[in-house]
Amino acid sequence: MGNAMTEKTGIFYHPLFSQKSSLTVGRRLADFPQALEPLLKHRRIVLYLCQPATDELILRVHTRALIQEVERDPL
């Protein structure tokens, strides 16, 4: 286990996360990433702006069934 004083917490965000979707419970992320500004003042908190992932990478962490469900979401 690493040293808690040097470990970082990453927040992964993409603007599509803020759009209306049942997967994000409406517009609950509408004020992101601006709402994170106070947290981002801490050196241990890092905001990562997500780039599109390849299908291969997505399949490493999600099931095909979940991907199909997301694809059916009308966003």
PDB file of N, CA and C in Angstrom:
ATOM      1  N   MET A   1       0.848  -1.187   0.000  1.00  0.00           N
ATOM      2  CA  MET A   1       0.000   0.000   0.000  1.00  0.00           C
ATOM      3  C   MET A   1       0.884   1.237   0.000  1.00  0.00           C
ATOM      4  N   GLY A   2       0.523   2.216  -0.804  1.00  0.00           N
ATOM      5  CA  GLY A   2       1.315   3.430  -0.935  1.00  0.00           C
ATOM      6  C   GLY A   2       1.130   4.384   0.235  1.00  0.00           C
ATOM      7  N   ASN A   3       1.911   5.412   0.217  1.00  0.00           N
ATOM      8  CA  ASN A   3       1.858   6.444   1.235  1.00  0.00           C
ATOM      9  C   ASN A   3       0.656   7.343   0.958  1.00  0.00           C
ATOM     10  N   ALA A   4      -0.250   7.454   1.911  1.00  0.00           N
ATOM     11  CA  ALA A   4      -1.476   8.242   1.724  1.00  0.00           C
ATOM     12  C   ALA A   4      -1.178   9.710   1.440  1.00  0.00           C
ATOM     13  N   MET A   5      -0.024  10.184   1.839  1.00  0.00           N
ATOM     14  CA  MET A   5       0.315  11.593   1.617  1.00  0.00           C
ATOM     15  C   MET A   5       0.723  11.850   0.165  1.00  0.00           C
ATOM     16  N   THR A   6       1.119  10.802  -0.575  1.00  0.00           N
ATOM     17  CA  THR A   6       1.563  11.005  -1.953  1.00  0.00           C
ATOM     18  C   THR A   6       0.611  10.410  -2.981  1.00  0.00           C
ATOM     19  N   GLU A   7      -0.367   9.650  -2.549  1.00  0.00           N
ATOM     20  CA  GLU A   7      -1.306   9.057  -3.488  1.00  0.00           C
ATOM     21  C   GLU A   7      -2.218  10.126  -4.069  1.00  0.00           C
ATOM     22  N   LYS A   8      -2.644   9.891  -5.308  1.00  0.00           N
ATOM     23  CA  LYS A   8      -3.528  10.838  -5.978  1.00  0.00           C
ATOM     24  C   LYS A   8      -4.859  10.170  -6.270  1.00  0.00           C
ATOM     25  N   THR A   9      -5.879  10.995  -6.365  1.00  0.00           N
ATOM     26  CA  THR A   9      -7.207  10.545  -6.760  1.00  0.00           C
ATOM     27  C   THR A   9      -7.517  11.155  -8.115  1.00  0.00           C
ATOM     28  N   GLY A  10      -7.890  10.311  -9.068  1.00  0.00           N
ATOM     29  CA  GLY A  10      -8.215  10.787 -10.403  1.00  0.00           C
ATOM     30  C   GLY A  10      -9.716  10.852 -10.600  1.00  0.00           C
ATOM     31  N   ILE A  11     -10.172  11.930 -11.206  1.00  0.00           N
ATOM     32  CA  ILE A  11     -11.571  12.096 -11.582  1.00  0.00           C
ATOM     33  C   ILE A  11     -11.592  12.116 -13.108  1.00  0.00           C
ATOM     34  N   PHE A  12     -12.336  11.187 -13.696  1.00  0.00           N
ATOM     35  CA  PHE A  12     -12.399  11.067 -15.148  1.00  0.00           C
ATOM     36  C   PHE A  12     -13.710  11.653 -15.631  1.00  0.00           C
ATOM     37  N   TYR A  13     -13.613  12.562 -16.603  1.00  0.00           N
ATOM     38  CA  TYR A  13     -14.782  13.314 -17.041  1.00  0.00           C
ATOM     39  C   TYR A  13     -14.737  13.526 -18.554  1.00  0.00           C
ATOM     40  N   HIS A  14     -15.913  13.514 -19.164  1.00  0.00           N
ATOM     41  CA  HIS A  14     -16.079  13.902 -20.568  1.00  0.00           C
ATOM     42  C   HIS A  14     -17.365  14.727 -20.644  1.00  0.00           C
ATOM     43  N   PRO A  15     -17.410  15.782 -21.454  1.00  0.00           N
ATOM     44  CA  PRO A  15     -18.610  16.618 -21.530  1.00  0.00           C
ATOM     45  C   PRO A  15     -19.898  15.838 -21.799  1.00  0.00           C
ATOM     46  N   LEU A  16     -19.824  14.713 -22.477  1.00  0.00           N
ATOM     47  CA  LEU A  16     -21.035  13.916 -22.715  1.00  0.00           C
ATOM     48  C   LEU A  16     -21.647  13.414 -21.408  1.00  0.00           C
ATOM     49  N   PHE A  17     -20.836  13.302 -20.351  1.00  0.00           N
ATOM     50  CA  PHE A  17     -21.352  12.853 -19.062  1.00  0.00           C
ATOM     51  C   PHE A  17     -22.386  13.832 -18.514  1.00  0.00           C
ATOM     52  N   SER A  18     -22.345  15.080 -18.946  1.00  0.00           N
ATOM     53  CA  SER A  18     -23.236  16.115 -18.419  1.00  0.00           C
ATOM     54  C   SER A  18     -24.539  16.227 -19.191  1.00  0.00           C
ATOM     55  N   GLN A  19     -24.660  15.500 -20.265  1.00  0.00           N
ATOM     56  CA  GLN A  19     -25.896  15.564 -21.046  1.00  0.00           C
ATOM     57  C   GLN A  19     -26.948  14.665 -20.420  1.00  0.00           C
ATOM     58  N   LYS A  20     -28.189  14.952 -20.744  1.00  0.00           N
ATOM     59  CA  LYS A  20     -29.294  14.171 -20.192  1.00  0.00           C
ATOM     60  C   LYS A  20     -29.192  12.720 -20.648  1.00  0.00           C
ATOM     61  N   SER A  21     -29.193  11.828 -19.700  1.00  0.00           N
ATOM     62  CA  SER A  21     -29.117  10.408 -19.982  1.00  0.00           C
ATOM     63  C   SER A  21     -29.563   9.644 -18.758  1.00  0.00           C
ATOM     64  N   SER A  22     -30.247   8.535 -18.963  1.00  0.00           N
ATOM     65  CA  SER A  22     -30.632   7.715 -17.817  1.00  0.00           C
ATOM     66  C   SER A  22     -29.406   7.149 -17.131  1.00  0.00           C
ATOM     67  N   LEU A  23     -28.308   7.059 -17.862  1.00  0.00           N
ATOM     68  CA  LEU A  23     -27.090   6.520 -17.264  1.00  0.00           C
ATOM     69  C   LEU A  23     -26.442   7.509 -16.301  1.00  0.00           C
ATOM     70  N   THR A  24     -26.765   8.787 -16.431  1.00  0.00           N
ATOM     71  CA  THR A  24     -26.221   9.783 -15.512  1.00  0.00           C
ATOM     72  C   THR A  24     -27.318  10.462 -14.711  1.00  0.00           C
ATOM     73  N   VAL A  25     -28.474   9.839 -14.619  1.00  0.00           N
ATOM     74  CA  VAL A  25     -29.613  10.337 -13.838  1.00  0.00           C
ATOM     75  C   VAL A  25     -29.888  11.798 -14.174  1.00  0.00           C
ATOM     76  N   GLY A  26     -30.382  12.012 -15.370  1.00  0.00           N
ATOM     77  CA  GLY A  26     -30.749  13.359 -15.792  1.00  0.00           C
ATOM     78  C   GLY A  26     -29.543  14.256 -15.979  1.00  0.00           C
ATOM     79  N   ARG A  27     -29.648  15.469 -15.500  1.00  0.00           N
ATOM     80  CA  ARG A  27     -28.560  16.438 -15.680  1.00  0.00           C
ATOM     81  C   ARG A  27     -27.791  16.660 -14.380  1.00  0.00           C
ATOM     82  N   ARG A  28     -27.618  15.613 -13.612  1.00  0.00           N
ATOM     83  CA  ARG A  28     -26.949  15.769 -12.316  1.00  0.00           C
ATOM     84  C   ARG A  28     -25.505  16.224 -12.451  1.00  0.00           C
ATOM     85  N   LEU A  29     -24.911  16.088 -13.627  1.00  0.00           N
ATOM     86  CA  LEU A  29     -23.531  16.534 -13.832  1.00  0.00           C
ATOM     87  C   LEU A  29     -23.465  17.826 -14.639  1.00  0.00           C
ATOM     88  N   ALA A  30     -24.572  18.545 -14.727  1.00  0.00           N
ATOM     89  CA  ALA A  30     -24.632  19.749 -15.559  1.00  0.00           C
ATOM     90  C   ALA A  30     -23.616  20.809 -15.140  1.00  0.00           C
ATOM     91  N   ASP A  31     -23.242  20.855 -13.877  1.00  0.00           N
ATOM     92  CA  ASP A  31     -22.291  21.877 -13.421  1.00  0.00           C
ATOM     93  C   ASP A  31     -20.848  21.361 -13.369  1.00  0.00           C
ATOM     94  N   PHE A  32     -20.606  20.235 -14.008  1.00  0.00           N
ATOM     95  CA  PHE A  32     -19.244  19.704 -14.072  1.00  0.00           C
ATOM     96  C   PHE A  32     -18.578  20.188 -15.343  1.00  0.00           C
ATOM     97  N   PRO A  33     -17.278  20.341 -15.358  1.00  0.00           N
ATOM     98  CA  PRO A  33     -16.353  20.123 -14.254  1.00  0.00           C
ATOM     99  C   PRO A  33     -16.165  21.328 -13.351  1.00  0.00           C
ATOM    100  N   GLN A  34     -16.899  22.426 -13.596  1.00  0.00           N
ATOM    101  CA  GLN A  34     -16.736  23.633 -12.784  1.00  0.00           C
ATOM    102  C   GLN A  34     -16.946  23.346 -11.296  1.00  0.00           C
ATOM    103  N   ALA A  35     -17.845  22.437 -10.966  1.00  0.00           N
ATOM    104  CA  ALA A  35     -18.122  22.118  -9.566  1.00  0.00           C
ATOM    105  C   ALA A  35     -16.918  21.501  -8.868  1.00  0.00           C
ATOM    106  N   LEU A  36     -15.964  21.040  -9.645  1.00  0.00           N
ATOM    107  CA  LEU A  36     -14.774  20.401  -9.066  1.00  0.00           C
ATOM    108  C   LEU A  36     -13.675  21.389  -8.697  1.00  0.00           C
ATOM    109  N   GLU A  37     -13.818  22.634  -9.096  1.00  0.00           N
ATOM    110  CA  GLU A  37     -12.737  23.601  -8.905  1.00  0.00           C
ATOM    111  C   GLU A  37     -12.175  23.636  -7.483  1.00  0.00           C
ATOM    112  N   PRO A  38     -13.004  23.638  -6.432  1.00  0.00           N
ATOM    113  CA  PRO A  38     -12.421  23.633  -5.084  1.00  0.00           C
ATOM    114  C   PRO A  38     -11.565  22.391  -4.811  1.00  0.00           C
ATOM    115  N   LEU A  39     -12.006  21.239  -5.302  1.00  0.00           N
ATOM    116  CA  LEU A  39     -11.230  20.009  -5.104  1.00  0.00           C
ATOM    117  C   LEU A  39      -9.915  20.027  -5.869  1.00  0.00           C
ATOM    118  N   LEU A  40      -9.943  20.612  -7.069  1.00  0.00           N
ATOM    119  CA  LEU A  40      -8.764  20.593  -7.923  1.00  0.00           C
ATOM    120  C   LEU A  40      -7.645  21.492  -7.417  1.00  0.00           C
ATOM    121  N   LYS A  41      -7.913  22.271  -6.387  1.00  0.00           N
ATOM    122  CA  LYS A  41      -6.859  23.088  -5.774  1.00  0.00           C
ATOM    123  C   LYS A  41      -5.893  22.232  -4.965  1.00  0.00           C
ATOM    124  N   HIS A  42      -6.335  21.035  -4.602  1.00  0.00           N
ATOM    125  CA  HIS A  42      -5.481  20.103  -3.862  1.00  0.00           C
ATOM    126  C   HIS A  42      -4.601  19.341  -4.851  1.00  0.00           C
ATOM    127  N   ARG A  43      -3.331  19.217  -4.530  1.00  0.00           N
ATOM    128  CA  ARG A  43      -2.395  18.545  -5.432  1.00  0.00           C
ATOM    129  C   ARG A  43      -2.688  17.061  -5.590  1.00  0.00           C
ATOM    130  N   ARG A  44      -3.430  16.498  -4.653  1.00  0.00           N
ATOM    131  CA  ARG A  44      -3.714  15.063  -4.706  1.00  0.00           C
ATOM    132  C   ARG A  44      -4.900  14.730  -5.604  1.00  0.00           C
ATOM    133  N   ILE A  45      -5.638  15.716  -6.075  1.00  0.00           N
ATOM    134  CA  ILE A  45      -6.806  15.493  -6.923  1.00  0.00           C
ATOM    135  C   ILE A  45      -6.453  15.888  -8.355  1.00  0.00           C
ATOM    136  N   VAL A  46      -6.684  14.983  -9.293  1.00  0.00           N
ATOM    137  CA  VAL A  46      -6.338  15.230 -10.694  1.00  0.00           C
ATOM    138  C   VAL A  46      -7.582  15.004 -11.557  1.00  0.00           C
ATOM    139  N   LEU A  47      -7.880  15.950 -12.444  1.00  0.00           N
ATOM    140  CA  LEU A  47      -8.991  15.819 -13.382  1.00  0.00           C
ATOM    141  C   LEU A  47      -8.433  15.340 -14.710  1.00  0.00           C
ATOM    142  N   TYR A  48      -8.971  14.236 -15.196  1.00  0.00           N
ATOM    143  CA  TYR A  48      -8.590  13.706 -16.498  1.00  0.00           C
ATOM    144  C   TYR A  48      -9.767  13.900 -17.448  1.00  0.00           C
ATOM    145  N   LEU A  49      -9.531  14.632 -18.527  1.00  0.00           N
ATOM    146  CA  LEU A  49     -10.559  14.810 -19.545  1.00  0.00           C
ATOM    147  C   LEU A  49     -10.434  13.631 -20.497  1.00  0.00           C
ATOM    148  N   CYS A  50     -11.462  12.829 -20.557  1.00  0.00           N
ATOM    149  CA  CYS A  50     -11.432  11.583 -21.320  1.00  0.00           C
ATOM    150  C   CYS A  50     -11.450  11.825 -22.821  1.00  0.00           C
ATOM    151  N   GLN A  51     -10.678  11.039 -23.499  1.00  0.00           N
ATOM    152  CA  GLN A  51     -10.706  10.982 -24.957  1.00  0.00           C
ATOM    153  C   GLN A  51     -11.508   9.743 -25.339  1.00  0.00           C
ATOM    154  N   PRO A  52     -12.007   9.671 -26.549  1.00  0.00           N
ATOM    155  CA  PRO A  52     -12.736   8.466 -26.961  1.00  0.00           C
ATOM    156  C   PRO A  52     -11.859   7.221 -26.803  1.00  0.00           C
ATOM    157  N   ALA A  53     -12.445   6.171 -26.284  1.00  0.00           N
ATOM    158  CA  ALA A  53     -11.727   4.916 -26.088  1.00  0.00           C
ATOM    159  C   ALA A  53     -11.999   3.980 -27.256  1.00  0.00           C
ATOM    160  N   THR A  54     -11.060   3.112 -27.512  1.00  0.00           N
ATOM    161  CA  THR A  54     -11.255   2.102 -28.550  1.00  0.00           C
ATOM    162  C   THR A  54     -12.190   1.021 -28.018  1.00  0.00           C
ATOM    163  N   ASP A  55     -12.832   0.295 -28.922  1.00  0.00           N
ATOM    164  CA  ASP A  55     -13.686  -0.815 -28.515  1.00  0.00           C
ATOM    165  C   ASP A  55     -12.894  -1.845 -27.709  1.00  0.00           C
ATOM    166  N   GLU A  56     -11.671  -2.091 -28.138  1.00  0.00           N
ATOM    167  CA  GLU A  56     -10.821  -3.069 -27.441  1.00  0.00           C
ATOM    168  C   GLU A  56     -10.604  -2.662 -25.983  1.00  0.00           C
ATOM    169  N   LEU A  57     -10.325  -1.406 -25.750  1.00  0.00           N
ATOM    170  CA  LEU A  57     -10.105  -0.933 -24.384  1.00  0.00           C
ATOM    171  C   LEU A  57     -11.392  -1.006 -23.570  1.00  0.00           C
ATOM    172  N   ILE A  58     -12.498  -0.612 -24.159  1.00  0.00           N
ATOM    173  CA  ILE A  58     -13.783  -0.656 -23.453  1.00  0.00           C
ATOM    174  C   ILE A  58     -14.117  -2.085 -23.035  1.00  0.00           C
ATOM    175  N   LEU A  59     -13.852  -3.049 -23.912  1.00  0.00           N
ATOM    176  CA  LEU A  59     -14.163  -4.452 -23.612  1.00  0.00           C
ATOM    177  C   LEU A  59     -13.257  -5.037 -22.526  1.00  0.00           C
ATOM    178  N   ARG A  60     -12.184  -4.354 -22.217  1.00  0.00           N
ATOM    179  CA  ARG A  60     -11.319  -4.821 -21.123  1.00  0.00           C
ATOM    180  C   ARG A  60     -11.944  -4.546 -19.761  1.00  0.00           C
ATOM    181  N   VAL A  61     -12.875  -3.587 -19.703  1.00  0.00           N
ATOM    182  CA  VAL A  61     -13.444  -3.208 -18.406  1.00  0.00           C
ATOM    183  C   VAL A  61     -14.962  -3.294 -18.335  1.00  0.00           C
ATOM    184  N   HIS A  62     -15.629  -3.528 -19.479  1.00  0.00           N
ATOM    185  CA  HIS A  62     -17.088  -3.622 -19.494  1.00  0.00           C
ATOM    186  C   HIS A  62     -17.517  -4.845 -20.288  1.00  0.00           C
ATOM    187  N   THR A  63     -18.670  -5.393 -19.924  1.00  0.00           N
ATOM    188  CA  THR A  63     -19.210  -6.526 -20.669  1.00  0.00           C
ATOM    189  C   THR A  63     -19.861  -6.048 -21.960  1.00  0.00           C
ATOM    190  N   ARG A  64     -19.965  -6.964 -22.918  1.00  0.00           N
ATOM    191  CA  ARG A  64     -20.648  -6.642 -24.173  1.00  0.00           C
ATOM    192  C   ARG A  64     -22.096  -6.248 -23.924  1.00  0.00           C
ATOM    193  N   ALA A  65     -22.734  -6.901 -22.953  1.00  0.00           N
ATOM    194  CA  ALA A  65     -24.135  -6.595 -22.639  1.00  0.00           C
ATOM    195  C   ALA A  65     -24.279  -5.146 -22.161  1.00  0.00           C
ATOM    196  N   LEU A  66     -23.372  -4.677 -21.348  1.00  0.00           N
ATOM    197  CA  LEU A  66     -23.442  -3.291 -20.878  1.00  0.00           C
ATOM    198  C   LEU A  66     -23.241  -2.326 -22.043  1.00  0.00           C
ATOM    199  N   ILE A  67     -22.304  -2.622 -22.901  1.00  0.00           N
ATOM    200  CA  ILE A  67     -22.052  -1.752 -24.052  1.00  0.00           C
ATOM    201  C   ILE A  67     -23.296  -1.671 -24.931  1.00  0.00           C
ATOM    202  N   GLN A  68     -23.950  -2.807 -25.153  1.00  0.00           N
ATOM    203  CA  GLN A  68     -25.172  -2.799 -25.964  1.00  0.00           C
ATOM    204  C   GLN A  68     -26.269  -1.981 -25.291  1.00  0.00           C
ATOM    205  N   GLU A  69     -26.369  -2.062 -23.968  1.00  0.00           N
ATOM    206  CA  GLU A  69     -27.364  -1.269 -23.247  1.00  0.00           C
ATOM    207  C   GLU A  69     -27.095   0.228 -23.390  1.00  0.00           C
ATOM    208  N   VAL A  70     -25.848   0.620 -23.276  1.00  0.00           N
ATOM    209  CA  VAL A  70     -25.472   2.026 -23.434  1.00  0.00           C
ATOM    210  C   VAL A  70     -25.767   2.498 -24.851  1.00  0.00           C
ATOM    211  N   GLU A  71     -25.480   1.668 -25.838  1.00  0.00           N
ATOM    212  CA  GLU A  71     -25.737   2.035 -27.221  1.00  0.00           C
ATOM    213  C   GLU A  71     -27.222   2.247 -27.505  1.00  0.00           C
ATOM    214  N   ARG A  72     -28.088   1.529 -26.777  1.00  0.00           N
ATOM    215  CA  ARG A  72     -29.537   1.678 -26.962  1.00  0.00           C
ATOM    216  C   ARG A  72     -30.084   2.927 -26.259  1.00  0.00           C
ATOM    217  N   ASP A  73     -29.310   3.513 -25.336  1.00  0.00           N
ATOM    218  CA  ASP A  73     -29.762   4.699 -24.609  1.00  0.00           C
ATOM    219  C   ASP A  73     -29.865   5.853 -25.600  1.00  0.00           C
ATOM    220  N   PRO A  74     -31.023   6.525 -25.680  1.00  0.00           N
ATOM    221  CA  PRO A  74     -31.209   7.595 -26.672  1.00  0.00           C
ATOM    222  C   PRO A  74     -30.438   8.876 -26.375  1.00  0.00           C
ATOM    223  N   LEU A  75     -29.752   8.972 -25.254  1.00  0.00           N
ATOM    224  CA  LEU A  75     -29.005  10.180 -24.871  1.00  0.00           C
ATOM    225  C   LEU A  75     -29.703  11.402 -25.390  1.00  0.00           C
TER     226      LEU A  75
END
